[in-house]
Amino acid sequence: MSPVLISLAAFAAVAMLVAAVALVLKDLQPTKVEDRLQVLAGLKTPELEARGLLKEEVFREGVSGLAGVFHGLARRVGNLNNLFEQADSPISGNMFIGISVGAAFAGVLAATIARAPIPLFPIAAMVFGSLPLMWLMLRRRARFKRFGRQLPDALELVGRALRSGHSLAAGLHVVVDELPPPISTEFAIVYETQNLGVSIDQALKEMLNRMPNMDLKFFVTSVVIQRQTGGDMAEILDKISHIIRERFKILGQVQALTGEGRISGIILMALPVLLFLLIYYLNPDYVSVLFTDPLGKRMMVGAIILQAVGGVCIKKIVDIKI
């Protein structure tokens, strides 16, 4: 067997062993319900329960393996479960991690078939392994965008329901019946939550945590203030809806004016990578100096850093907040 296949087999064996040990240790840990029952029965003190929770948190962060890595990557959106909920993912977390690991192995296999240099193997694994996460982030972004587009119509429906004499909860139910997902799904959760006894203010705040939209924040804030101080809620919703539609018009104009910059950024980011792959395919010895010579390695690292800095700068230029 070649050294590459031996390395891949060893890596797969170690990864599966770590995953199996993590699952076994996690199953052996008592659940929170069992800990609370032991406290109520007098078999455990609250201090020991808190200490157990701390140990469980350390275990979760240290032994979770790949799940902990993806949880850290998704920390910007709260946690991995929140990311799956926001993206309305059709797959579970365990399946997602399995697909990511399989994609990483596929990247290493593709690099092996392409006879890429050994230093590019980890890069190929990282790129292919991050594809499922990129898909999830794009799905989340598209869902947020659809929600934002539907929000003005939803607010107008709620305002009309209030003018006809219905309550705010009934207005939310009108949105559930009349509009398609994702906004109907989110408003349905709010409607069912307040039916179970949770205040509508708290239910709307939970929806805002699931859908961090600035326009939705205006709506939630206006509802909370109106329920405390009073006022014409229907008129407030009409004004918010009008403001949102005007923002969309300005945003469309900005995107039209910055379209050339976005296309230029995509070309400038993709051109060095494609040129590198083309030269490597035509003359591998000419490019191999970047991986064998110390100066070539420093140039490679510098090129990657400058490429990343350039991408950030281009994004800052064309990404105008409205």
Protein backbone atom coordinates (compact mmCIF):
# COMPACT_ATOMS: atom_id res chain seq x y z
CA MET A 1 0.00 0.00 0.00
CA SER A 2 1.12 3.54 -0.69
CA PRO A 3 1.95 5.87 2.25
CA VAL A 4 -1.00 8.07 1.31
CA LEU A 5 -3.52 5.22 1.64
CA ILE A 6 -1.92 4.11 4.90
CA SER A 7 -2.19 7.67 6.27
CA LEU A 8 -5.85 7.91 5.20
CA ALA A 9 -6.66 4.57 6.81
CA ALA A 10 -4.91 5.57 10.05
CA PHE A 11 -6.71 8.90 10.13
CA ALA A 12 -10.09 7.25 9.57
CA ALA A 13 -9.44 4.67 12.29
CA VAL A 14 -8.40 7.31 14.83
CA ALA A 15 -11.38 9.52 13.97
CA MET A 16 -13.85 6.65 14.38
CA LEU A 17 -12.18 5.61 17.64
CA VAL A 18 -12.46 9.12 19.07
CA ALA A 19 -16.10 9.37 17.98
CA ALA A 20 -16.92 5.99 19.55
CA VAL A 21 -15.24 6.92 22.85
CA ALA A 22 -17.08 10.26 22.89
CA LEU A 23 -20.45 8.57 22.34
CA VAL A 24 -19.79 5.96 25.03
CA LEU A 25 -18.69 8.55 27.59
CA LYS A 26 -21.66 10.74 26.74
CA ASP A 27 -24.07 7.84 27.29
CA LEU A 28 -22.47 7.10 30.67
CA GLN A 29 -23.00 10.66 31.89
CA PRO A 30 -26.21 11.19 33.95
CA THR A 31 -28.79 13.44 32.37
CA LYS A 32 -29.92 16.74 33.85
CA VAL A 33 -33.28 15.18 34.77
CA GLU A 34 -31.56 12.40 36.70
CA ASP A 35 -29.37 14.93 38.52
CA ARG A 36 -32.40 17.02 39.48
CA LEU A 37 -34.27 13.92 40.72
CA GLN A 38 -31.27 12.98 42.85
CA VAL A 39 -31.22 16.47 44.36
CA LEU A 40 -34.94 16.29 45.16
CA ALA A 41 -34.48 12.84 46.69
CA GLY A 42 -31.62 14.08 48.87
CA LEU A 43 -29.04 11.84 47.21
CA LYS A 44 -27.10 14.78 45.84
CA THR A 45 -26.59 18.34 47.03
CA PRO A 46 -27.11 21.35 44.74
CA GLU A 47 -23.38 22.04 44.91
CA LEU A 48 -22.62 18.62 43.50
CA GLU A 49 -25.24 19.13 40.82
CA ALA A 50 -23.63 22.41 39.79
CA ARG A 51 -20.24 20.74 39.80
CA GLY A 52 -21.66 17.98 37.62
CA LEU A 53 -23.05 20.53 35.21
CA LEU A 54 -19.65 22.18 34.99
CA LYS A 55 -18.01 18.81 34.31
CA GLU A 56 -20.65 18.10 31.69
CA GLU A 57 -19.93 21.44 30.04
CA VAL A 58 -16.19 20.72 30.02
CA PHE A 59 -16.87 17.26 28.62
CA ARG A 60 -19.14 18.70 25.95
CA GLU A 61 -16.51 21.23 24.89
CA GLY A 62 -13.51 18.94 25.11
CA VAL A 63 -14.67 15.51 23.99
CA SER A 64 -17.35 16.41 21.46
CA GLY A 65 -14.76 16.14 18.69
CA LEU A 66 -15.98 17.31 15.31
CA ALA A 67 -19.29 18.44 16.77
CA GLY A 68 -17.38 20.88 18.98
CA VAL A 69 -15.48 22.20 15.99
CA PHE A 70 -18.66 22.89 14.04
CA HIS A 71 -20.25 24.36 17.18
CA GLY A 72 -17.37 26.84 17.40
CA LEU A 73 -17.73 27.77 13.74
CA ALA A 74 -21.44 28.40 14.25
CA ARG A 75 -20.97 30.46 17.43
CA ARG A 76 -21.61 33.66 15.52
CA VAL A 77 -25.25 32.66 15.09
CA GLY A 78 -25.70 31.43 18.65
CA ASN A 79 -25.10 27.68 18.45
CA LEU A 80 -25.27 24.82 16.00
CA ASN A 81 -28.85 23.93 16.89
CA ASN A 82 -29.90 27.53 16.33
CA LEU A 83 -28.17 27.48 12.96
CA PHE A 84 -30.09 24.35 11.93
CA GLU A 85 -33.34 25.93 13.08
CA GLN A 86 -32.68 29.19 11.28
CA ALA A 87 -31.78 27.37 8.06
CA ASP A 88 -34.75 24.97 8.40
CA SER A 89 -32.31 22.17 7.65
CA PRO A 90 -33.79 18.88 6.42
CA ILE A 91 -30.91 16.91 7.95
CA SER A 92 -29.96 16.33 11.57
CA GLY A 93 -26.77 17.41 13.29
CA ASN A 94 -25.24 13.92 13.35
CA MET A 95 -25.94 13.45 9.64
CA PHE A 96 -24.46 16.87 8.95
CA ILE A 97 -21.24 15.99 10.75
CA GLY A 98 -21.05 12.67 8.92
CA ILE A 99 -21.51 14.39 5.57
CA SER A 100 -18.81 16.92 6.47
CA VAL A 101 -16.33 14.18 7.40
CA GLY A 102 -17.17 12.30 4.21
CA ALA A 103 -16.67 15.47 2.16
CA ALA A 104 -13.26 15.98 3.80
CA PHE A 105 -12.23 12.44 2.84
CA ALA A 106 -13.52 13.11 -0.67
CA GLY A 107 -11.30 16.19 -0.82
CA VAL A 108 -8.24 14.18 0.16
CA LEU A 109 -9.18 11.52 -2.39
CA ALA A 110 -9.61 14.15 -5.10
CA ALA A 111 -6.21 15.63 -4.26
CA THR A 112 -4.69 12.14 -4.43
CA ILE A 113 -6.25 11.46 -7.84
CA ALA A 114 -5.10 14.85 -9.11
CA ARG A 115 -1.57 14.08 -7.81
CA ALA A 116 -1.49 17.32 -5.86
CA PRO A 117 1.46 18.08 -3.56
CA ILE A 118 1.23 16.65 -0.06
CA PRO A 119 0.92 20.12 1.61
CA LEU A 120 -2.30 20.70 -0.36
CA PHE A 121 -4.01 17.63 1.14
CA PRO A 122 -5.08 19.37 4.40
CA ILE A 123 -6.27 22.38 2.38
CA ALA A 124 -8.34 20.13 0.12
CA ALA A 125 -9.83 18.38 3.16
CA MET A 126 -10.71 21.72 4.78
CA VAL A 127 -12.27 23.10 1.59
CA PHE A 128 -14.36 20.03 0.85
CA GLY A 129 -15.23 19.52 4.52
CA SER A 130 -16.53 23.08 4.81
CA LEU A 131 -18.86 22.70 1.81
CA PRO A 132 -21.79 21.36 3.92
CA LEU A 133 -21.37 24.26 6.34
CA MET A 134 -21.32 26.71 3.44
CA TRP A 135 -24.49 25.10 2.08
CA LEU A 136 -26.14 25.47 5.47
CA MET A 137 -25.11 29.13 5.75
CA LEU A 138 -26.37 29.87 2.24
CA ARG A 139 -29.66 28.13 3.01
CA ARG A 140 -29.96 30.21 6.19
CA ARG A 141 -29.18 33.40 4.31
CA ALA A 142 -31.77 32.64 1.60
CA ARG A 143 -34.40 31.93 4.25
CA PHE A 144 -33.64 35.23 6.00
CA LYS A 145 -33.94 37.02 2.67
CA ARG A 146 -37.33 35.46 1.89
CA PHE A 147 -38.54 36.32 5.38
CA GLY A 148 -37.46 39.94 4.97
CA ARG A 149 -39.26 40.19 1.61
CA GLN A 150 -42.46 38.79 3.10
CA LEU A 151 -42.41 40.94 6.25
CA PRO A 152 -44.08 44.10 4.76
CA ASP A 153 -47.03 42.05 3.47
CA ALA A 154 -47.33 40.33 6.83
CA LEU A 155 -47.40 43.63 8.72
CA GLU A 156 -50.06 45.00 6.38
CA LEU A 157 -52.20 41.90 6.96
CA VAL A 158 -51.86 42.28 10.73
CA GLY A 159 -52.78 45.98 10.46
CA ARG A 160 -55.89 45.19 8.41
CA ALA A 161 -56.93 42.54 10.91
CA LEU A 162 -56.56 45.06 13.75
CA ARG A 163 -58.68 47.63 11.88
CA SER A 164 -61.43 45.06 11.37
CA GLY A 165 -61.66 44.50 15.13
CA HIS A 166 -59.50 41.39 15.58
CA SER A 167 -56.88 40.97 18.26
CA LEU A 168 -53.15 40.90 17.61
CA ALA A 169 -53.08 37.11 18.02
CA ALA A 170 -55.86 36.77 15.43
CA GLY A 171 -53.84 39.04 13.11
CA LEU A 172 -50.86 36.72 13.46
CA HIS A 173 -53.09 33.78 12.57
CA VAL A 174 -54.17 35.60 9.39
CA VAL A 175 -50.50 35.73 8.35
CA VAL A 176 -50.22 31.98 8.98
CA ASP A 177 -53.21 31.29 6.72
CA GLU A 178 -52.47 33.74 3.90
CA LEU A 179 -48.69 33.81 3.39
CA PRO A 180 -46.25 31.02 2.40
CA PRO A 181 -43.23 29.89 4.43
CA PRO A 182 -40.93 30.89 6.00
CA ILE A 183 -42.90 33.78 7.53
CA SER A 184 -46.03 31.67 8.01
CA THR A 185 -43.96 29.06 9.86
CA GLU A 186 -42.45 31.61 12.24
CA PHE A 187 -45.75 33.37 12.92
CA ALA A 188 -47.40 29.98 13.48
CA ILE A 189 -44.82 29.24 16.20
CA VAL A 190 -45.60 32.60 17.82
CA TYR A 191 -49.35 31.96 17.63
CA GLU A 192 -49.11 28.47 19.11
CA THR A 193 -46.70 29.67 21.81
CA GLN A 194 -49.03 32.39 23.06
CA ASN A 195 -51.92 29.90 22.96
CA LEU A 196 -49.95 27.79 25.45
CA GLY A 197 -49.87 30.66 27.95
CA VAL A 198 -46.66 32.49 27.06
CA SER A 199 -47.09 36.24 26.71
CA ILE A 200 -47.18 37.46 23.14
CA ASP A 201 -44.30 39.83 23.89
CA GLN A 202 -42.07 36.93 24.92
CA ALA A 203 -43.19 34.85 21.93
CA LEU A 204 -42.29 37.68 19.55
CA LYS A 205 -38.90 38.11 21.21
CA GLU A 206 -38.20 34.41 20.75
CA MET A 207 -39.09 34.76 17.07
CA LEU A 208 -36.64 37.67 16.87
CA ASN A 209 -33.93 35.42 18.31
CA ARG A 210 -34.67 32.84 15.61
CA MET A 211 -34.88 35.43 12.81
CA PRO A 212 -32.46 38.29 13.60
CA ASN A 213 -33.97 40.83 11.21
CA MET A 214 -33.73 44.57 11.85
CA ASP A 215 -37.20 45.25 10.41
CA LEU A 216 -38.67 42.49 12.57
CA LYS A 217 -36.99 44.13 15.56
CA PHE A 218 -38.91 47.34 14.78
CA PHE A 219 -42.16 45.36 14.77
CA VAL A 220 -41.41 43.53 18.03
CA THR A 221 -40.32 46.75 19.75
CA SER A 222 -43.44 48.60 18.60
CA VAL A 223 -45.69 45.79 19.87
CA VAL A 224 -44.00 45.78 23.29
CA ILE A 225 -44.21 49.57 23.62
CA GLN A 226 -47.80 49.72 22.37
CA ARG A 227 -48.96 47.09 24.86
CA GLN A 228 -47.38 49.11 27.67
CA THR A 229 -48.37 52.64 26.66
CA GLY A 230 -51.23 52.20 24.17
CA GLY A 231 -51.71 53.74 20.71
CA ASP A 232 -52.93 52.93 17.22
CA MET A 233 -51.12 49.70 16.45
CA ALA A 234 -52.51 49.44 12.92
CA GLU A 235 -51.11 52.83 11.94
CA ILE A 236 -47.73 51.94 13.42
CA LEU A 237 -47.60 48.73 11.39
CA ASP A 238 -48.50 50.59 8.20
CA LYS A 239 -45.65 53.05 8.77
CA ILE A 240 -43.17 50.26 9.48
CA SER A 241 -44.29 48.44 6.34
CA HIS A 242 -43.85 51.61 4.28
CA ILE A 243 -40.35 52.16 5.69
CA ILE A 244 -39.36 48.57 4.88
CA ARG A 245 -40.54 48.90 1.28
CA GLU A 246 -38.59 52.14 0.85
CA ARG A 247 -35.48 50.48 2.25
CA PHE A 248 -35.84 47.69 -0.31
CA LYS A 249 -36.02 50.27 -3.10
CA ILE A 250 -32.84 51.98 -1.91
CA LEU A 251 -31.14 48.61 -1.44
CA GLY A 252 -31.99 47.63 -5.02
CA GLN A 253 -30.44 50.86 -6.31
CA VAL A 254 -27.30 50.27 -4.23
CA GLN A 255 -26.95 46.70 -5.50
CA ALA A 256 -27.30 47.91 -9.09
CA LEU A 257 -24.58 50.53 -8.57
CA THR A 258 -22.21 48.11 -6.81
CA GLY A 259 -22.79 45.18 -9.20
CA GLU A 260 -19.62 45.92 -11.15
CA GLY A 261 -17.59 45.96 -7.95
CA ARG A 262 -18.99 42.61 -6.81
CA ILE A 263 -18.23 40.98 -10.17
CA SER A 264 -14.72 42.45 -10.12
CA GLY A 265 -14.20 41.06 -6.63
CA ILE A 266 -15.29 37.57 -7.68
CA ILE A 267 -12.94 37.64 -10.67
CA LEU A 268 -10.00 38.96 -8.66
CA MET A 269 -10.52 36.31 -5.97
CA ALA A 270 -10.93 33.40 -8.39
CA LEU A 271 -8.31 34.33 -10.98
CA PRO A 272 -5.15 33.57 -8.89
CA VAL A 273 -6.52 30.18 -7.79
CA LEU A 274 -7.55 29.16 -11.31
CA LEU A 275 -4.24 30.39 -12.74
CA PHE A 276 -2.33 28.40 -10.13
CA LEU A 277 -4.26 25.22 -10.96
CA LEU A 278 -3.79 25.76 -14.68
CA ILE A 279 -0.02 26.26 -14.39
CA TYR A 280 0.26 23.25 -12.09
CA TYR A 281 -1.60 21.12 -14.64
CA LEU A 282 0.61 22.30 -17.52
CA ASN A 283 3.96 22.39 -15.72
CA PRO A 284 3.99 20.86 -12.20
CA ASP A 285 7.74 21.32 -11.75
CA TYR A 286 7.42 25.07 -12.23
CA VAL A 287 4.91 25.35 -9.35
CA SER A 288 6.54 22.77 -7.06
CA VAL A 289 9.17 25.35 -6.07
CA LEU A 290 6.50 27.04 -3.94
CA PHE A 291 6.29 23.88 -1.81
CA THR A 292 9.94 22.84 -1.69
CA ASP A 293 11.94 26.07 -1.43
CA PRO A 294 11.72 27.99 1.91
CA LEU A 295 11.30 31.28 0.08
CA GLY A 296 8.53 29.74 -2.04
CA LYS A 297 6.69 28.61 1.11
CA ARG A 298 6.87 32.14 2.56
CA MET A 299 5.62 33.55 -0.74
CA MET A 300 2.73 31.06 -0.70
CA VAL A 301 1.71 32.04 2.82
CA GLY A 302 2.00 35.73 1.96
CA ALA A 303 -0.12 35.28 -1.16
CA ILE A 304 -2.88 33.53 0.82
CA ILE A 305 -2.87 36.26 3.48
CA LEU A 306 -2.95 39.06 0.90
CA GLN A 307 -5.72 37.26 -0.97
CA ALA A 308 -7.80 37.09 2.18
CA VAL A 309 -7.14 40.74 3.05
CA GLY A 310 -8.08 41.80 -0.48
CA GLY A 311 -11.34 39.84 -0.29
CA VAL A 312 -12.25 41.50 3.00
CA CYS A 313 -11.47 44.95 1.62
CA ILE A 314 -13.57 44.38 -1.52
CA LYS A 315 -16.47 43.12 0.61
CA LYS A 316 -16.27 46.21 2.82
CA ILE A 317 -16.38 48.46 -0.24
CA VAL A 318 -19.37 46.85 -1.98
CA ASP A 319 -21.34 45.89 1.15
CA ILE A 320 -23.20 49.10 1.97
CA LYS A 321 -25.52 49.01 4.94
CA ILE A 322 -29.01 50.43 4.39
